[in-house]
Amino acid sequence: MILKCGRNEIELNDKDVILFNGVCFILMTRKIGHSFSSYSPTVSKTRMKQLLKSGELILTKEYLDYTTSNGQEMWKRYYKINEQ
């Protein structure tokens, strides 16, 4: 599956992991750039909603990261390609 992240097109495999940290979706297993200026690409929220709705990505792990002072729970979610 080819996923567009900004200007880059990345071909995902079964080892790639996408993290949702409560704010954005980050492709944790890939890096863009060189040396100290490298970063993990982000995936748009609308594209992630499409992939989850079509069943191409599945939720593999979810846990409570922390609770804010006003009682809001912050969850971390990990997604992978559906191998079926």
Protein backbone atom coordinates (compact mmCIF):
# COMPACT_ATOMS: atom_id res chain seq x y z
CA MET A 1 0.00 0.00 0.00
CA ILE A 2 1.36 3.43 -0.92
CA LEU A 3 0.68 6.22 1.57
CA LYS A 4 1.25 9.89 0.86
CA CYS A 5 2.76 11.86 3.75
CA GLY A 6 3.18 15.49 2.75
CA ARG A 7 5.33 15.54 -0.39
CA ASN A 8 6.58 11.99 0.10
CA GLU A 9 5.01 8.74 -1.01
CA ILE A 10 5.86 5.81 1.25
CA GLU A 11 5.14 2.18 0.52
CA LEU A 12 3.91 0.54 3.72
CA ASN A 13 4.67 -3.06 4.63
CA ASP A 14 3.52 -5.33 7.45
CA LYS A 15 6.28 -4.08 9.81
CA ASP A 16 5.28 -0.40 9.70
CA VAL A 17 3.56 1.07 12.76
CA ILE A 18 1.41 4.22 12.89
CA LEU A 19 1.04 5.90 16.29
CA PHE A 20 -1.86 8.16 17.30
CA ASN A 21 -0.73 10.23 20.28
CA GLY A 22 -3.99 12.13 20.79
CA VAL A 23 -3.09 14.90 18.36
CA CYS A 24 -1.67 13.44 15.14
CA PHE A 25 -0.87 10.18 13.37
CA ILE A 26 2.87 9.47 13.10
CA LEU A 27 4.54 6.78 11.00
CA MET A 28 7.01 5.62 13.66
CA THR A 29 9.03 3.11 11.64
CA ARG A 30 10.14 5.49 8.87
CA LYS A 31 12.36 8.56 8.85
CA ILE A 32 12.60 11.38 6.30
CA GLY A 33 15.70 13.54 5.99
CA HIS A 34 19.31 13.01 7.00
CA SER A 35 21.15 12.81 10.29
CA PHE A 36 20.00 15.47 12.77
CA SER A 37 17.32 16.89 10.49
CA SER A 38 15.40 13.60 10.14
CA TYR A 39 11.82 13.23 11.36
CA SER A 40 8.98 10.73 11.34
CA PRO A 41 6.33 11.62 8.73
CA THR A 42 2.77 12.43 9.77
CA VAL A 43 -0.35 11.05 8.10
CA SER A 44 -3.38 13.27 7.57
CA LYS A 45 -6.43 12.62 9.74
CA THR A 46 -8.79 12.36 6.77
CA ARG A 47 -6.58 9.73 5.08
CA MET A 48 -6.40 7.74 8.33
CA LYS A 49 -10.19 7.84 8.69
CA GLN A 50 -10.51 6.48 5.14
CA LEU A 51 -8.02 3.68 5.78
CA LEU A 52 -9.64 2.67 9.05
CA LYS A 53 -13.15 2.74 7.58
CA SER A 54 -12.12 0.60 4.59
CA GLY A 55 -10.38 -1.90 6.89
CA GLU A 56 -6.89 -1.49 5.41
CA LEU A 57 -5.48 -0.56 8.83
CA ILE A 58 -6.32 -2.18 12.16
CA LEU A 59 -5.80 -1.19 15.79
CA THR A 60 -3.13 -3.41 17.35
CA LYS A 61 -2.47 -1.83 20.74
CA GLU A 62 -4.10 0.81 22.92
CA TYR A 63 -3.18 2.02 26.39
CA LEU A 64 -3.78 4.96 28.73
CA ASP A 65 -0.73 7.23 28.58
CA TYR A 66 -1.69 9.74 31.26
CA THR A 67 -4.57 11.75 32.72
CA THR A 68 -4.48 15.56 32.60
CA SER A 69 -5.13 17.78 35.60
CA ASN A 70 -8.74 18.38 34.51
CA GLY A 71 -9.43 14.61 34.26
CA GLN A 72 -9.11 14.13 30.49
CA GLU A 73 -7.60 10.75 29.57
CA MET A 74 -4.87 10.69 26.89
CA TRP A 75 -4.66 7.37 25.03
CA LYS A 76 -1.94 6.10 22.70
CA ARG A 77 -3.06 3.88 19.82
CA TYR A 78 -0.93 1.81 17.45
CA TYR A 79 -2.12 0.76 13.98
CA LYS A 80 -0.78 -1.73 11.43
CA ILE A 81 -1.74 -2.91 7.95
CA ASN A 82 -4.50 -5.50 7.90
CA GLU A 83 -2.82 -8.66 6.58
CA GLN A 84 -6.02 -10.31 5.30
